[in-house]
Amino acid sequence: MKKSFMSVTLLVVSISMVVMFLCSSSAKAQTSSNFVYNQDGNTETVYTLDKSGKYLTRKLKYEFQKDANGNVIEKKAFRWNSAKETWSPYYVLNFTEQANSFIVEYALWDNKEGNFSANCQKVIYGKNIQNDFITYHAYCWDLASQSWQISHHLLAQSYLAIK
């Protein structure tokens, strides 16, 4: 009886030590990142831990717009302004899918203009009939000519052929 009691006690202690080890390593893994994410509907807020690791401070907020199929068509990013305690617009990404291409447009918030019109860029990914991306065209908005100017071009077939 005494021997079985000792065996049970030893088993419980062993299991407790294993559980403590697993919990401590998982807690360490969770706190090793200084970011905490909160998603609520079409909004995701990113918080950071302060130096003590006890308090959350706002960092970024993302607002998503989706089409009828649930695909993201717009992502707006906001930065937390701690002095004013408000969210300040940061950048916007617009996503457009067409028959043979996928377009991503990017613009920073322009405080002077009060809209997303600074550093405008666009990328067009061309697709083949199998829906594979085969071309990449990057553009920057040229203020002087008021038009898109190509900045990078890549043909994926040529790139993939090089080994």
Protein backbone atom coordinates (compact mmCIF):
# COMPACT_ATOMS: atom_id res chain seq x y z
CA MET A 1 0.00 0.00 0.00
CA LYS A 2 2.78 2.38 1.00
CA LYS A 3 4.71 1.48 -2.15
CA SER A 4 1.72 2.16 -4.43
CA PHE A 5 1.09 5.50 -2.64
CA MET A 6 4.72 6.49 -3.30
CA SER A 7 4.39 5.46 -6.94
CA VAL A 8 1.24 7.54 -7.36
CA THR A 9 2.90 10.52 -5.62
CA LEU A 10 5.96 10.21 -7.83
CA LEU A 11 3.74 10.01 -10.91
CA VAL A 12 1.78 13.13 -9.86
CA VAL A 13 4.99 15.06 -9.15
CA SER A 14 6.46 14.01 -12.51
CA ILE A 15 3.33 15.04 -14.40
CA SER A 16 3.25 18.36 -12.51
CA MET A 17 6.85 19.08 -13.45
CA VAL A 18 6.21 18.29 -17.12
CA VAL A 19 3.10 20.50 -17.13
CA MET A 20 5.03 23.35 -15.44
CA PHE A 21 7.82 23.02 -18.01
CA LEU A 22 5.41 23.05 -20.94
CA CYS A 23 3.41 25.98 -19.56
CA SER A 24 6.50 28.05 -18.82
CA SER A 25 7.93 27.53 -22.30
CA SER A 26 4.61 28.35 -23.98
CA ALA A 27 4.22 31.47 -21.83
CA LYS A 28 7.73 32.48 -22.80
CA ALA A 29 6.91 31.95 -26.48
CA GLN A 30 3.83 34.14 -26.20
CA THR A 31 5.66 37.00 -24.49
CA SER A 32 8.74 36.83 -26.70
CA SER A 33 6.78 38.79 -29.31
CA ASN A 34 6.13 42.40 -28.44
CA PHE A 35 2.97 42.58 -30.55
CA VAL A 36 -0.59 41.68 -29.63
CA TYR A 37 -3.28 41.48 -32.31
CA ASN A 38 -7.01 42.04 -31.89
CA GLN A 39 -9.36 41.42 -34.80
CA ASP A 40 -12.94 42.62 -34.65
CA GLY A 41 -14.95 42.27 -37.85
CA ASN A 42 -13.17 44.23 -40.58
CA THR A 43 -10.76 45.94 -38.17
CA GLU A 44 -7.49 44.64 -36.77
CA THR A 45 -5.64 46.54 -34.04
CA VAL A 46 -1.98 45.93 -33.22
CA TYR A 47 -0.74 46.67 -29.73
CA THR A 48 2.80 46.61 -28.36
CA LEU A 49 3.90 45.70 -24.88
CA ASP A 50 5.66 48.40 -22.93
CA LYS A 51 9.15 47.83 -21.51
CA SER A 52 7.76 46.25 -18.36
CA GLY A 53 5.78 43.80 -20.47
CA LYS A 54 2.64 44.49 -18.42
CA TYR A 55 0.78 47.16 -20.38
CA LEU A 56 -0.47 47.36 -23.94
CA THR A 57 -0.07 50.49 -26.03
CA ARG A 58 -1.75 51.08 -29.36
CA LYS A 59 0.50 50.87 -32.41
CA LEU A 60 -1.38 50.25 -35.69
CA LYS A 61 -4.93 49.76 -36.83
CA TYR A 62 -6.02 48.18 -40.11
CA GLU A 63 -9.46 48.58 -41.67
CA PHE A 64 -10.45 46.15 -44.41
CA GLN A 65 -13.11 46.42 -47.09
CA LYS A 66 -14.21 43.22 -48.80
CA ASP A 67 -16.16 42.44 -51.94
CA ALA A 68 -19.23 40.19 -52.12
CA ASN A 69 -16.96 37.10 -52.30
CA GLY A 70 -15.10 38.04 -49.11
CA ASN A 71 -11.91 39.09 -50.92
CA VAL A 72 -10.08 42.08 -49.46
CA ILE A 73 -10.30 45.00 -51.90
CA GLU A 74 -8.93 47.74 -49.62
CA LYS A 75 -6.68 47.87 -46.58
CA LYS A 76 -6.23 51.16 -44.72
CA ALA A 77 -3.54 51.49 -42.10
CA PHE A 78 -3.55 53.98 -39.23
CA ARG A 79 -0.83 54.86 -36.70
CA TRP A 80 -1.60 55.74 -33.12
CA ASN A 81 -0.81 59.38 -32.26
CA SER A 82 -0.15 59.24 -28.52
CA ALA A 83 0.07 63.04 -28.19
CA LYS A 84 -3.43 63.56 -29.64
CA GLU A 85 -4.70 60.11 -28.59
CA THR A 86 -6.20 59.52 -32.03
CA TRP A 87 -5.59 57.28 -35.00
CA SER A 88 -3.77 59.05 -37.84
CA PRO A 89 -4.07 57.75 -41.42
CA TYR A 90 -0.87 56.08 -42.62
CA TYR A 91 -1.34 54.31 -45.98
CA VAL A 92 -3.90 52.54 -48.16
CA LEU A 93 -3.64 49.43 -50.33
CA ASN A 94 -6.25 48.75 -53.02
CA PHE A 95 -6.55 45.30 -54.60
CA THR A 96 -8.19 44.71 -57.98
CA GLU A 97 -8.46 41.36 -59.71
CA GLN A 98 -9.14 41.25 -63.41
CA ALA A 99 -9.28 38.38 -65.90
CA ASN A 100 -5.55 38.25 -66.62
CA SER A 101 -4.05 40.40 -63.88
CA PHE A 102 -3.98 41.29 -60.21
CA ILE A 103 -3.37 44.97 -59.35
CA VAL A 104 -2.13 46.38 -56.04
CA GLU A 105 -2.14 50.17 -55.57
CA TYR A 106 -0.40 51.88 -52.66
CA ALA A 107 -0.49 55.47 -51.39
CA LEU A 108 0.67 57.25 -48.24
CA TRP A 109 -1.45 59.77 -46.38
CA ASP A 110 -0.71 63.37 -47.41
CA ASN A 111 -1.31 65.67 -44.43
CA LYS A 112 -1.28 68.77 -46.62
CA GLU A 113 -3.91 67.42 -49.05
CA GLY A 114 -5.83 65.45 -46.43
CA ASN A 115 -6.01 62.29 -48.53
CA PHE A 116 -4.06 59.24 -49.65
CA SER A 117 -2.11 60.84 -52.49
CA ALA A 118 1.58 60.77 -51.46
CA ASN A 119 4.13 58.32 -52.91
CA CYS A 120 1.59 56.55 -55.12
CA GLN A 121 2.76 53.21 -56.49
CA LYS A 122 1.13 50.40 -58.41
CA VAL A 123 2.07 46.81 -59.18
CA ILE A 124 0.40 44.71 -61.86
CA TYR A 125 0.88 40.96 -61.74
CA GLY A 126 0.05 39.36 -65.09
CA LYS A 127 -1.44 35.86 -65.02
CA ASN A 128 -1.54 33.09 -67.58
CA ILE A 129 -4.44 30.76 -68.34
CA GLN A 130 -3.47 28.49 -65.40
CA ASN A 131 -3.74 31.53 -63.10
CA ASP A 132 0.03 31.57 -62.46
CA PHE A 133 1.75 34.94 -62.14
CA ILE A 134 4.05 35.36 -65.14
CA THR A 135 4.78 39.10 -65.30
CA TYR A 136 5.44 41.85 -62.78
CA HIS A 137 5.20 45.55 -63.62
CA ALA A 138 5.86 48.18 -60.95
CA TYR A 139 4.85 51.80 -61.49
CA CYS A 140 5.34 55.10 -59.66
CA TRP A 141 3.04 58.07 -60.09
CA ASP A 142 4.87 60.95 -61.77
CA LEU A 143 3.51 64.27 -60.55
CA ALA A 144 5.01 66.27 -63.42
CA SER A 145 3.38 64.25 -66.19
CA GLN A 146 0.40 63.15 -64.07
CA SER A 147 0.82 59.58 -65.29
CA TRP A 148 2.13 56.18 -64.20
CA GLN A 149 5.80 55.60 -65.04
CA ILE A 150 7.16 52.04 -65.06
CA SER A 151 9.94 51.50 -62.54
CA HIS A 152 10.46 47.71 -62.67
CA HIS A 153 9.52 44.93 -65.04
CA LEU A 154 10.01 41.21 -64.65
CA LEU A 155 8.99 38.36 -66.90
CA ALA A 156 8.68 35.35 -64.62
CA GLN A 157 9.28 32.80 -67.39
CA SER A 158 12.70 34.33 -68.14
CA TYR A 159 13.51 34.55 -64.46
CA LEU A 160 12.45 30.96 -63.75
CA ALA A 161 14.46 29.67 -66.73
CA ILE A 162 17.70 30.90 -65.12
CA LYS A 163 18.98 28.21 -62.77
